[in-house]
N, C-alpha and C. Protein backbone atom coordinates (compact mmCIF):
# COMPACT_ATOMS: atom_id res chain seq x y z
N MET A 1 95.19 97.39 118.95
CA MET A 1 95.18 95.94 119.07
C MET A 1 96.13 95.55 120.20
N TYR A 2 95.65 94.67 121.07
CA TYR A 2 96.51 94.15 122.13
C TYR A 2 97.47 93.14 121.52
N ILE A 3 98.77 93.38 121.67
CA ILE A 3 99.79 92.50 121.09
C ILE A 3 100.84 92.20 122.15
N PRO A 4 100.86 91.01 122.73
CA PRO A 4 101.98 90.63 123.60
C PRO A 4 103.29 90.74 122.84
N SER A 5 104.34 91.10 123.53
CA SER A 5 105.61 91.38 122.86
C SER A 5 106.12 90.19 122.05
N ALA A 6 105.83 88.96 122.49
CA ALA A 6 106.30 87.78 121.76
C ALA A 6 105.67 87.65 120.39
N TYR A 7 104.49 88.28 120.20
CA TYR A 7 103.76 88.15 118.95
C TYR A 7 103.89 89.38 118.04
N SER A 8 104.51 90.42 118.54
CA SER A 8 104.56 91.69 117.80
C SER A 8 105.46 91.60 116.57
N VAL A 9 104.96 92.10 115.45
CA VAL A 9 105.74 92.19 114.22
C VAL A 9 105.76 93.66 113.80
N THR A 10 106.94 94.21 113.67
CA THR A 10 107.06 95.64 113.36
C THR A 10 107.83 95.92 112.07
N ASP A 11 108.40 94.92 111.46
CA ASP A 11 109.15 95.12 110.23
C ASP A 11 108.21 95.65 109.14
N PRO A 12 108.41 96.89 108.66
CA PRO A 12 107.47 97.47 107.68
C PRO A 12 107.34 96.64 106.41
N GLU A 13 108.44 96.05 105.96
CA GLU A 13 108.37 95.27 104.73
C GLU A 13 107.53 94.01 104.91
N VAL A 14 107.67 93.35 106.06
CA VAL A 14 106.85 92.16 106.35
C VAL A 14 105.38 92.54 106.40
N LEU A 15 105.07 93.66 107.04
CA LEU A 15 103.68 94.09 107.15
C LEU A 15 103.11 94.48 105.79
N ARG A 16 103.92 95.15 104.98
CA ARG A 16 103.44 95.52 103.64
C ARG A 16 103.18 94.29 102.79
N GLU A 17 104.07 93.30 102.85
CA GLU A 17 103.87 92.08 102.08
C GLU A 17 102.60 91.36 102.53
N PHE A 18 102.33 91.38 103.83
CA PHE A 18 101.13 90.75 104.36
C PHE A 18 99.89 91.42 103.78
N ILE A 19 99.86 92.74 103.76
CA ILE A 19 98.70 93.48 103.25
C ILE A 19 98.52 93.22 101.76
N HIS A 20 99.60 93.13 101.01
CA HIS A 20 99.48 92.83 99.58
C HIS A 20 98.88 91.44 99.38
N LYS A 21 99.24 90.50 100.25
CA LYS A 21 98.75 89.12 100.10
C LYS A 21 97.33 88.97 100.59
N TYR A 22 97.00 89.63 101.71
CA TYR A 22 95.68 89.52 102.32
C TYR A 22 95.00 90.89 102.31
N SER A 23 94.63 91.34 101.14
CA SER A 23 94.21 92.73 100.96
C SER A 23 92.73 92.97 101.22
N PHE A 24 91.98 91.92 101.55
CA PHE A 24 90.55 92.11 101.84
C PHE A 24 90.42 92.50 103.30
N ALA A 25 89.94 93.72 103.55
CA ALA A 25 89.99 94.31 104.89
C ALA A 25 88.60 94.54 105.46
N ILE A 26 88.57 94.84 106.75
CA ILE A 26 87.39 95.39 107.41
C ILE A 26 87.72 96.82 107.78
N LEU A 27 86.98 97.77 107.23
CA LEU A 27 87.19 99.19 107.50
C LEU A 27 86.21 99.63 108.57
N VAL A 28 86.74 100.13 109.70
CA VAL A 28 85.91 100.50 110.83
C VAL A 28 86.04 102.01 111.09
N THR A 29 84.90 102.68 111.21
CA THR A 29 84.88 104.11 111.51
C THR A 29 83.73 104.39 112.49
N THR A 30 83.74 105.60 113.04
CA THR A 30 82.61 106.06 113.84
C THR A 30 82.18 107.42 113.30
N ASP A 31 81.02 107.88 113.75
CA ASP A 31 80.56 109.20 113.33
C ASP A 31 80.84 110.25 114.40
N GLY A 32 81.59 109.86 115.43
CA GLY A 32 81.97 110.81 116.46
C GLY A 32 80.96 110.99 117.57
N GLN A 33 79.85 110.30 117.50
CA GLN A 33 78.84 110.39 118.54
C GLN A 33 78.90 109.13 119.40
N SER A 34 79.10 109.33 120.71
CA SER A 34 79.42 108.21 121.59
C SER A 34 78.31 107.17 121.68
N ASP A 35 77.08 107.56 121.43
CA ASP A 35 75.99 106.60 121.56
C ASP A 35 75.69 105.87 120.26
N HIS A 36 76.48 106.12 119.20
CA HIS A 36 76.29 105.42 117.93
C HIS A 36 77.34 104.32 117.80
N PRO A 37 76.96 103.13 117.36
CA PRO A 37 77.93 102.05 117.21
C PRO A 37 78.87 102.33 116.03
N PRO A 38 80.06 101.73 116.04
CA PRO A 38 80.97 101.86 114.89
C PRO A 38 80.33 101.29 113.63
N LEU A 39 80.79 101.78 112.49
CA LEU A 39 80.37 101.26 111.19
C LEU A 39 81.52 100.45 110.61
N ALA A 40 81.19 99.37 109.92
CA ALA A 40 82.22 98.50 109.35
C ALA A 40 81.80 98.06 107.95
N THR A 41 82.78 98.04 107.05
CA THR A 41 82.56 97.58 105.69
C THR A 41 83.67 96.61 105.31
N HIS A 42 83.31 95.52 104.66
CA HIS A 42 84.29 94.54 104.16
C HIS A 42 84.61 94.93 102.71
N LEU A 43 85.90 95.14 102.44
CA LEU A 43 86.28 95.59 101.10
C LEU A 43 87.76 95.38 100.87
N PRO A 44 88.18 95.23 99.60
CA PRO A 44 89.61 95.20 99.31
C PRO A 44 90.20 96.59 99.43
N MET A 45 91.40 96.68 100.01
CA MET A 45 92.11 97.95 100.12
C MET A 45 93.54 97.74 99.66
N LEU A 46 94.00 98.60 98.78
CA LEU A 46 95.34 98.49 98.20
C LEU A 46 96.29 99.45 98.90
N LEU A 47 97.49 98.98 99.18
CA LEU A 47 98.51 99.79 99.84
C LEU A 47 99.45 100.38 98.81
N THR A 48 99.67 101.68 98.89
CA THR A 48 100.60 102.38 98.01
C THR A 48 101.69 103.04 98.86
N VAL A 49 102.94 102.91 98.43
CA VAL A 49 104.06 103.54 99.11
C VAL A 49 104.67 104.54 98.14
N GLU A 50 104.64 105.83 98.50
CA GLU A 50 105.19 106.86 97.64
C GLU A 50 106.70 106.95 97.79
N SER A 51 107.34 107.70 96.91
CA SER A 51 108.80 107.77 96.88
C SER A 51 109.39 108.32 98.18
N ASP A 52 108.63 109.16 98.90
CA ASP A 52 109.13 109.71 100.16
C ASP A 52 108.81 108.82 101.36
N GLY A 53 108.26 107.63 101.10
CA GLY A 53 107.94 106.72 102.18
C GLY A 53 106.53 106.84 102.71
N THR A 54 105.79 107.86 102.28
CA THR A 54 104.41 108.02 102.72
C THR A 54 103.56 106.86 102.20
N MET A 55 102.70 106.33 103.06
CA MET A 55 101.86 105.21 102.67
C MET A 55 100.39 105.57 102.82
N PHE A 56 99.57 105.01 101.95
CA PHE A 56 98.13 105.19 102.07
C PHE A 56 97.41 103.98 101.48
N LEU A 57 96.19 103.80 101.94
CA LEU A 57 95.32 102.73 101.44
C LEU A 57 94.24 103.34 100.57
N THR A 58 93.85 102.61 99.53
CA THR A 58 92.74 103.07 98.70
C THR A 58 91.74 101.94 98.52
N GLY A 59 90.50 102.33 98.31
CA GLY A 59 89.43 101.38 98.05
C GLY A 59 88.19 102.14 97.68
N HIS A 60 87.08 101.45 97.59
CA HIS A 60 85.83 102.13 97.29
C HIS A 60 84.67 101.38 97.92
N VAL A 61 83.59 102.10 98.16
CA VAL A 61 82.37 101.52 98.69
C VAL A 61 81.21 101.95 97.79
N ALA A 62 80.11 101.25 97.93
CA ALA A 62 78.91 101.63 97.18
C ALA A 62 78.44 103.01 97.65
N ARG A 63 77.99 103.82 96.72
CA ARG A 63 77.48 105.14 97.08
C ARG A 63 76.30 105.02 98.05
N ALA A 64 75.58 103.91 97.98
CA ALA A 64 74.44 103.70 98.89
C ALA A 64 74.88 103.35 100.31
N ASN A 65 76.16 103.03 100.49
CA ASN A 65 76.68 102.70 101.82
C ASN A 65 76.78 103.98 102.66
N PRO A 66 76.10 104.05 103.80
CA PRO A 66 76.10 105.30 104.57
C PRO A 66 77.43 105.60 105.26
N GLN A 67 78.34 104.65 105.31
CA GLN A 67 79.57 104.87 106.08
C GLN A 67 80.38 106.05 105.57
N TRP A 68 80.49 106.18 104.25
CA TRP A 68 81.35 107.23 103.71
C TRP A 68 80.83 108.63 104.05
N LYS A 69 79.54 108.75 104.28
CA LYS A 69 78.96 110.07 104.52
C LYS A 69 79.39 110.67 105.85
N VAL A 70 79.82 109.83 106.79
CA VAL A 70 80.22 110.33 108.11
C VAL A 70 81.70 110.05 108.39
N ALA A 71 82.42 109.48 107.42
CA ALA A 71 83.79 109.05 107.68
C ALA A 71 84.85 110.04 107.24
N SER A 72 84.50 110.98 106.38
CA SER A 72 85.50 111.90 105.82
C SER A 72 86.21 112.68 106.92
N GLY A 73 87.54 112.58 106.91
CA GLY A 73 88.36 113.32 107.87
C GLY A 73 88.42 112.71 109.25
N ARG A 74 87.74 111.60 109.46
CA ARG A 74 87.68 111.00 110.78
C ARG A 74 88.69 109.86 110.91
N PRO A 75 89.07 109.52 112.16
CA PRO A 75 89.95 108.37 112.36
C PRO A 75 89.30 107.10 111.83
N ALA A 76 90.13 106.22 111.30
CA ALA A 76 89.64 104.97 110.74
C ALA A 76 90.60 103.85 111.09
N LEU A 77 90.09 102.64 111.09
CA LEU A 77 90.90 101.45 111.34
C LEU A 77 90.62 100.44 110.25
N ALA A 78 91.68 99.97 109.60
CA ALA A 78 91.57 98.90 108.60
C ALA A 78 92.20 97.65 109.17
N VAL A 79 91.42 96.56 109.21
CA VAL A 79 91.86 95.29 109.79
C VAL A 79 92.08 94.30 108.66
N PHE A 80 93.30 93.78 108.56
CA PHE A 80 93.64 92.77 107.56
C PHE A 80 93.92 91.45 108.29
N HIS A 81 93.18 90.41 107.92
CA HIS A 81 93.29 89.13 108.62
C HIS A 81 93.87 88.08 107.70
N GLY A 82 94.84 87.33 108.22
CA GLY A 82 95.44 86.23 107.47
C GLY A 82 94.90 84.89 107.92
N PRO A 83 95.67 83.82 107.72
CA PRO A 83 95.22 82.50 108.11
C PRO A 83 95.08 82.40 109.63
N HIS A 84 94.20 81.49 110.09
CA HIS A 84 94.00 81.31 111.52
C HIS A 84 93.56 79.87 111.75
N ALA A 85 93.81 79.35 112.95
CA ALA A 85 93.51 77.95 113.21
C ALA A 85 93.32 77.71 114.70
N TYR A 86 92.35 76.87 115.03
CA TYR A 86 92.15 76.40 116.40
C TYR A 86 93.28 75.46 116.78
N ILE A 87 93.80 75.65 117.99
CA ILE A 87 94.90 74.83 118.48
C ILE A 87 94.40 73.97 119.63
N SER A 88 94.43 72.66 119.44
CA SER A 88 93.96 71.72 120.46
C SER A 88 95.05 71.46 121.49
N PRO A 89 94.71 71.50 122.79
CA PRO A 89 95.71 71.19 123.81
C PRO A 89 96.18 69.74 123.76
N SER A 90 95.41 68.87 123.08
CA SER A 90 95.82 67.46 122.97
C SER A 90 97.11 67.32 122.17
N TRP A 91 97.45 68.34 121.38
CA TRP A 91 98.67 68.28 120.57
C TRP A 91 99.93 68.55 121.38
N TYR A 92 99.78 69.11 122.56
CA TYR A 92 100.95 69.49 123.34
C TYR A 92 101.61 68.29 124.03
N GLY A 93 100.83 67.21 124.27
CA GLY A 93 101.38 66.07 124.98
C GLY A 93 101.76 66.42 126.40
N ASP A 94 100.94 67.25 127.05
CA ASP A 94 101.27 67.75 128.38
C ASP A 94 99.98 67.99 129.15
N LYS A 95 100.08 68.14 130.47
CA LYS A 95 98.93 68.43 131.31
C LYS A 95 98.84 69.93 131.58
N ASN A 96 97.70 70.32 132.11
CA ASN A 96 97.48 71.72 132.51
C ASN A 96 97.73 72.68 131.36
N VAL A 97 97.15 72.35 130.22
CA VAL A 97 97.22 73.23 129.05
C VAL A 97 95.79 73.47 128.57
N VAL A 98 95.59 74.52 127.80
CA VAL A 98 94.24 74.89 127.37
C VAL A 98 94.23 75.16 125.86
N PRO A 99 93.03 75.14 125.27
CA PRO A 99 92.93 75.45 123.84
C PRO A 99 93.29 76.91 123.58
N THR A 100 93.67 77.20 122.34
CA THR A 100 93.91 78.58 121.94
C THR A 100 93.67 78.69 120.44
N TRP A 101 94.00 79.84 119.90
CA TRP A 101 93.81 80.08 118.47
C TRP A 101 95.06 80.79 117.95
N ASN A 102 95.64 80.28 116.89
CA ASN A 102 96.77 80.94 116.25
C ASN A 102 96.27 81.75 115.05
N TYR A 103 96.88 82.90 114.82
CA TYR A 103 96.40 83.77 113.75
C TYR A 103 97.46 84.82 113.40
N LEU A 104 97.23 85.47 112.26
CA LEU A 104 98.03 86.61 111.83
C LEU A 104 97.08 87.74 111.47
N ALA A 105 97.42 88.94 111.90
CA ALA A 105 96.58 90.10 111.60
C ALA A 105 97.42 91.36 111.57
N VAL A 106 97.00 92.31 110.76
CA VAL A 106 97.63 93.63 110.71
C VAL A 106 96.54 94.68 110.84
N HIS A 107 96.78 95.67 111.69
CA HIS A 107 95.87 96.81 111.85
C HIS A 107 96.56 98.06 111.34
N ILE A 108 95.81 98.85 110.58
CA ILE A 108 96.31 100.14 110.11
C ILE A 108 95.35 101.23 110.57
N SER A 109 95.90 102.25 111.20
CA SER A 109 95.12 103.39 111.67
C SER A 109 95.47 104.62 110.84
N GLY A 110 94.49 105.45 110.57
CA GLY A 110 94.73 106.68 109.82
C GLY A 110 93.45 107.48 109.71
N ARG A 111 93.43 108.39 108.76
CA ARG A 111 92.24 109.19 108.51
C ARG A 111 91.80 109.05 107.06
N LEU A 112 90.50 109.12 106.87
CA LEU A 112 89.92 108.89 105.56
C LEU A 112 89.67 110.19 104.80
N GLU A 113 89.90 110.11 103.52
CA GLU A 113 89.55 111.18 102.58
C GLU A 113 88.61 110.58 101.55
N ILE A 114 87.53 111.26 101.26
CA ILE A 114 86.54 110.77 100.29
C ILE A 114 86.88 111.29 98.90
N GLN A 115 86.79 110.43 97.90
CA GLN A 115 87.08 110.81 96.51
C GLN A 115 85.83 110.55 95.66
N GLN A 116 85.43 111.58 94.93
CA GLN A 116 84.22 111.45 94.11
C GLN A 116 84.40 111.90 92.67
N GLU A 117 85.57 112.43 92.33
CA GLU A 117 85.80 112.85 90.95
C GLU A 117 85.84 111.63 90.03
N PRO A 118 85.20 111.70 88.87
CA PRO A 118 85.14 110.54 87.96
C PRO A 118 86.53 109.97 87.64
N GLU A 119 87.50 110.87 87.42
CA GLU A 119 88.85 110.39 87.08
C GLU A 119 89.47 109.62 88.24
N GLN A 120 89.24 110.09 89.47
CA GLN A 120 89.76 109.40 90.64
C GLN A 120 89.13 108.02 90.78
N LEU A 121 87.83 107.95 90.58
CA LEU A 121 87.12 106.69 90.73
C LEU A 121 87.54 105.68 89.67
N GLU A 122 87.70 106.14 88.45
CA GLU A 122 88.13 105.23 87.39
C GLU A 122 89.53 104.71 87.66
N GLU A 123 90.41 105.57 88.18
CA GLU A 123 91.77 105.14 88.52
C GLU A 123 91.75 104.07 89.61
N LEU A 124 90.89 104.27 90.63
CA LEU A 124 90.77 103.28 91.69
C LEU A 124 90.35 101.92 91.14
N VAL A 125 89.35 101.94 90.28
CA VAL A 125 88.85 100.69 89.70
C VAL A 125 89.93 100.02 88.85
N ARG A 126 90.58 100.81 88.01
CA ARG A 126 91.61 100.24 87.13
C ARG A 126 92.79 99.68 87.92
N ASN A 127 93.20 100.37 88.98
CA ASN A 127 94.31 99.86 89.79
C ASN A 127 93.96 98.53 90.44
N ALA A 128 92.73 98.41 90.95
CA ALA A 128 92.31 97.16 91.58
C ALA A 128 92.22 96.04 90.55
N VAL A 129 91.64 96.35 89.38
CA VAL A 129 91.52 95.35 88.33
C VAL A 129 92.90 94.87 87.88
N THR A 130 93.82 95.80 87.70
CA THR A 130 95.17 95.44 87.25
C THR A 130 95.84 94.49 88.23
N LEU A 131 95.71 94.77 89.52
CA LEU A 131 96.33 93.92 90.54
C LEU A 131 95.71 92.53 90.57
N TYR A 132 94.39 92.46 90.71
CA TYR A 132 93.76 91.17 90.91
C TYR A 132 93.69 90.33 89.64
N GLU A 133 93.55 90.98 88.50
CA GLU A 133 93.51 90.23 87.25
C GLU A 133 94.89 89.72 86.84
N SER A 134 95.95 90.30 87.41
CA SER A 134 97.30 89.83 87.09
C SER A 134 97.51 88.40 87.56
N ARG A 135 96.65 87.91 88.44
CA ARG A 135 96.76 86.55 88.95
C ARG A 135 95.96 85.56 88.11
N SER A 136 95.30 86.03 87.07
CA SER A 136 94.45 85.18 86.25
C SER A 136 95.17 84.74 84.98
N ALA A 137 94.84 83.55 84.52
CA ALA A 137 95.43 83.05 83.28
C ALA A 137 94.94 83.87 82.09
N LYS A 138 93.66 84.33 82.14
CA LYS A 138 93.10 85.15 81.07
C LYS A 138 92.56 86.43 81.71
N PRO A 139 93.44 87.41 81.92
CA PRO A 139 93.03 88.62 82.64
C PRO A 139 91.92 89.39 81.92
N TRP A 140 90.97 89.86 82.72
CA TRP A 140 89.93 90.74 82.21
C TRP A 140 90.43 92.17 82.29
N SER A 141 90.01 93.00 81.37
CA SER A 141 90.44 94.40 81.35
C SER A 141 89.22 95.30 81.36
N ALA A 142 89.34 96.41 82.10
CA ALA A 142 88.26 97.40 82.11
C ALA A 142 88.03 97.98 80.72
N ASP A 143 89.05 97.91 79.88
CA ASP A 143 88.91 98.43 78.52
C ASP A 143 87.99 97.57 77.66
N SER A 144 87.63 96.39 78.15
CA SER A 144 86.73 95.53 77.38
C SER A 144 85.27 95.99 77.52
N THR A 145 85.02 96.95 78.40
CA THR A 145 83.67 97.48 78.56
C THR A 145 83.55 98.81 77.82
N ASP A 146 82.32 99.19 77.50
CA ASP A 146 82.10 100.49 76.89
C ASP A 146 82.39 101.60 77.90
N ALA A 147 82.91 102.72 77.41
CA ALA A 147 83.24 103.84 78.30
C ALA A 147 82.01 104.31 79.08
N GLY A 148 80.87 104.30 78.43
CA GLY A 148 79.65 104.73 79.10
C GLY A 148 79.25 103.79 80.21
N TYR A 149 79.48 102.50 80.00
CA TYR A 149 79.13 101.51 81.04
C TYR A 149 80.06 101.65 82.23
N LEU A 150 81.35 101.86 81.97
CA LEU A 150 82.31 102.03 83.05
C LEU A 150 81.98 103.28 83.86
N ARG A 151 81.60 104.35 83.19
CA ARG A 151 81.24 105.57 83.90
C ARG A 151 79.97 105.36 84.73
N GLN A 152 79.05 104.57 84.20
CA GLN A 152 77.85 104.24 84.96
C GLN A 152 78.19 103.51 86.25
N LEU A 153 79.15 102.61 86.16
CA LEU A 153 79.57 101.87 87.35
C LEU A 153 80.25 102.79 88.35
N THR A 154 81.13 103.66 87.88
CA THR A 154 81.84 104.54 88.82
C THR A 154 80.90 105.57 89.45
N ASN A 155 79.82 105.88 88.78
CA ASN A 155 78.84 106.78 89.38
C ASN A 155 78.17 106.17 90.61
N ALA A 156 78.25 104.84 90.71
CA ALA A 156 77.58 104.14 91.82
C ALA A 156 78.50 103.87 93.00
N ILE A 157 79.75 104.38 92.94
CA ILE A 157 80.69 104.13 94.03
C ILE A 157 81.28 105.44 94.54
N VAL A 158 81.91 105.35 95.69
CA VAL A 158 82.64 106.48 96.28
C VAL A 158 84.03 105.97 96.65
N GLY A 159 85.05 106.74 96.31
CA GLY A 159 86.42 106.33 96.58
C GLY A 159 86.87 106.69 97.99
N LEU A 160 87.78 105.90 98.51
CA LEU A 160 88.35 106.12 99.84
C LEU A 160 89.87 106.17 99.73
N ARG A 161 90.46 107.14 100.39
CA ARG A 161 91.93 107.21 100.49
C ARG A 161 92.27 107.42 101.96
N MET A 162 93.01 106.50 102.52
CA MET A 162 93.29 106.50 103.95
C MET A 162 94.78 106.64 104.20
N THR A 163 95.16 107.66 104.96
CA THR A 163 96.57 107.79 105.35
C THR A 163 96.95 106.65 106.28
N VAL A 164 98.22 106.27 106.23
CA VAL A 164 98.72 105.24 107.14
C VAL A 164 99.51 105.95 108.24
N ASP A 165 98.86 106.16 109.37
CA ASP A 165 99.51 106.81 110.50
C ASP A 165 100.17 105.81 111.43
N ARG A 166 99.60 104.61 111.50
CA ARG A 166 100.15 103.57 112.38
C ARG A 166 99.87 102.21 111.77
N MET A 167 100.89 101.33 111.83
CA MET A 167 100.75 99.99 111.28
C MET A 167 101.34 99.01 112.29
N GLU A 168 100.55 98.02 112.69
CA GLU A 168 101.01 97.05 113.68
C GLU A 168 100.55 95.65 113.30
N GLY A 169 101.40 94.67 113.60
CA GLY A 169 101.08 93.30 113.25
C GLY A 169 101.18 92.37 114.43
N CYS A 170 100.33 91.34 114.42
CA CYS A 170 100.33 90.31 115.46
C CYS A 170 100.42 88.95 114.79
N TRP A 171 101.50 88.23 115.04
CA TRP A 171 101.70 86.89 114.53
C TRP A 171 101.66 85.96 115.74
N LYS A 172 100.51 85.37 116.07
CA LYS A 172 100.38 84.48 117.22
C LYS A 172 100.59 83.05 116.75
N LEU A 173 101.77 82.51 117.03
CA LEU A 173 102.17 81.21 116.48
C LEU A 173 102.82 80.33 117.56
N ASN A 174 102.29 80.36 118.78
CA ASN A 174 102.81 79.54 119.88
C ASN A 174 104.27 79.84 120.22
N GLN A 175 104.67 81.12 120.02
CA GLN A 175 106.07 81.46 120.27
C GLN A 175 106.48 81.22 121.72
N HIS A 176 105.53 81.32 122.66
CA HIS A 176 105.88 81.21 124.07
C HIS A 176 105.91 79.77 124.57
N HIS A 177 105.65 78.79 123.71
CA HIS A 177 105.67 77.39 124.10
C HIS A 177 107.03 76.76 123.80
N PRO A 178 107.41 75.74 124.55
CA PRO A 178 108.67 75.04 124.25
C PRO A 178 108.59 74.31 122.92
N ASP A 179 109.76 73.94 122.41
CA ASP A 179 109.85 73.33 121.08
C ASP A 179 109.01 72.06 120.96
N GLU A 180 108.94 71.27 122.03
CA GLU A 180 108.19 70.01 121.97
C GLU A 180 106.71 70.27 121.71
N ARG A 181 106.15 71.26 122.39
CA ARG A 181 104.74 71.59 122.18
C ARG A 181 104.52 72.18 120.80
N ARG A 182 105.45 73.00 120.35
CA ARG A 182 105.31 73.60 119.02
C ARG A 182 105.34 72.52 117.95
N GLN A 183 106.22 71.55 118.10
CA GLN A 183 106.29 70.48 117.10
C GLN A 183 105.03 69.65 117.12
N GLY A 184 104.49 69.37 118.31
CA GLY A 184 103.24 68.64 118.38
C GLY A 184 102.09 69.39 117.74
N THR A 185 102.10 70.72 117.89
CA THR A 185 101.07 71.56 117.27
C THR A 185 101.19 71.52 115.76
N ILE A 186 102.41 71.62 115.26
CA ILE A 186 102.63 71.57 113.81
C ILE A 186 102.13 70.25 113.25
N GLU A 187 102.45 69.15 113.92
CA GLU A 187 102.02 67.84 113.44
C GLU A 187 100.50 67.72 113.47
N GLY A 188 99.87 68.26 114.52
CA GLY A 188 98.42 68.22 114.59
C GLY A 188 97.76 69.03 113.49
N LEU A 189 98.31 70.19 113.18
CA LEU A 189 97.78 71.03 112.10
C LEU A 189 97.93 70.34 110.75
N LEU A 190 99.09 69.74 110.52
CA LEU A 190 99.32 69.05 109.25
C LEU A 190 98.37 67.87 109.09
N GLN A 191 98.09 67.17 110.19
CA GLN A 191 97.18 66.03 110.11
C GLN A 191 95.75 66.47 109.85
N ARG A 192 95.33 67.57 110.50
CA ARG A 192 93.96 68.05 110.27
C ARG A 192 93.82 68.58 108.85
N GLY A 193 94.79 69.36 108.40
CA GLY A 193 94.97 69.58 106.98
C GLY A 193 94.08 70.55 106.24
N THR A 194 93.36 71.45 106.93
CA THR A 194 92.64 72.47 106.17
C THR A 194 93.64 73.46 105.59
N PRO A 195 93.26 74.25 104.58
CA PRO A 195 94.21 75.22 104.02
C PRO A 195 94.81 76.16 105.07
N ASP A 196 93.98 76.66 106.01
CA ASP A 196 94.51 77.53 107.05
C ASP A 196 95.43 76.75 107.99
N ASP A 197 95.07 75.51 108.32
CA ASP A 197 95.94 74.69 109.17
C ASP A 197 97.32 74.55 108.54
N LEU A 198 97.35 74.23 107.26
CA LEU A 198 98.63 74.01 106.58
C LEU A 198 99.47 75.29 106.54
N GLU A 199 98.80 76.43 106.33
CA GLU A 199 99.54 77.69 106.27
C GLU A 199 100.07 78.08 107.65
N ILE A 200 99.27 77.88 108.70
CA ILE A 200 99.74 78.17 110.05
C ILE A 200 100.91 77.25 110.40
N ALA A 201 100.83 75.99 110.04
CA ALA A 201 101.94 75.06 110.30
C ALA A 201 103.20 75.51 109.58
N ARG A 202 103.05 75.95 108.33
CA ARG A 202 104.22 76.41 107.57
C ARG A 202 104.85 77.63 108.23
N LEU A 203 104.01 78.55 108.69
CA LEU A 203 104.51 79.76 109.33
C LEU A 203 105.16 79.45 110.67
N MET A 204 104.64 78.46 111.39
CA MET A 204 105.27 78.06 112.65
C MET A 204 106.66 77.45 112.39
N GLN A 205 106.81 76.79 111.25
CA GLN A 205 108.10 76.21 110.92
C GLN A 205 109.08 77.25 110.39
N ASN A 206 108.53 78.26 109.70
CA ASN A 206 109.38 79.29 109.10
C ASN A 206 108.77 80.66 109.40
N PRO A 207 108.86 81.12 110.65
CA PRO A 207 108.23 82.38 111.01
C PRO A 207 108.88 83.55 110.29
N PRO A 208 108.09 84.57 109.90
CA PRO A 208 108.65 85.75 109.23
C PRO A 208 109.45 86.60 110.20
N GLN A 209 110.30 87.45 109.65
CA GLN A 209 111.09 88.36 110.46
C GLN A 209 110.16 89.29 111.24
N ARG A 210 110.39 89.43 112.54
CA ARG A 210 109.51 90.24 113.38
C ARG A 210 109.87 91.71 113.33
N ALA A 211 111.16 92.04 113.31
CA ALA A 211 111.57 93.45 113.38
C ALA A 211 112.97 93.60 112.81
């Protein structure tokens, strides 16, 4: 990912928190043949940090998805996207300015390992359910289904485990503009008022630690 130095975020804790918050990723792989286009799947991926600091992502795809058949052991890229917003030059109160887009994104590079053992697949499902259902007032549990039904579901998926070899973040929040333009942008975002606008405005007012 091209990241101008003003936008680069390298603090591992900030990047990990971002992935936990925006865990729905785009997983991109190739089959190693130059004339074949990359394959991409949209899926939630969970980040795990082991006691020795090793990190990996886990997720699953449908067994019918052809991507997993050519991805094992190959380089992979997981793209995590946060809030984003169009920035109007009218908010700057200045001449000779152009539109742009503010956004937050994290890219993780690594290699994929395919998991197909029933126990591995059930663990993947349960870990995802535990995380996402923890945000619900009335959490659903995998234990509420029959064991045979759960096994039927896991038979239809393939697990993915991706090493984290490189992690990089880009927080593009008008850092290179003077304070007057930044304040005008914040006010414009607050007035337009979409959820992403409000979040970008908040982040421009209270940017996360970069490194």
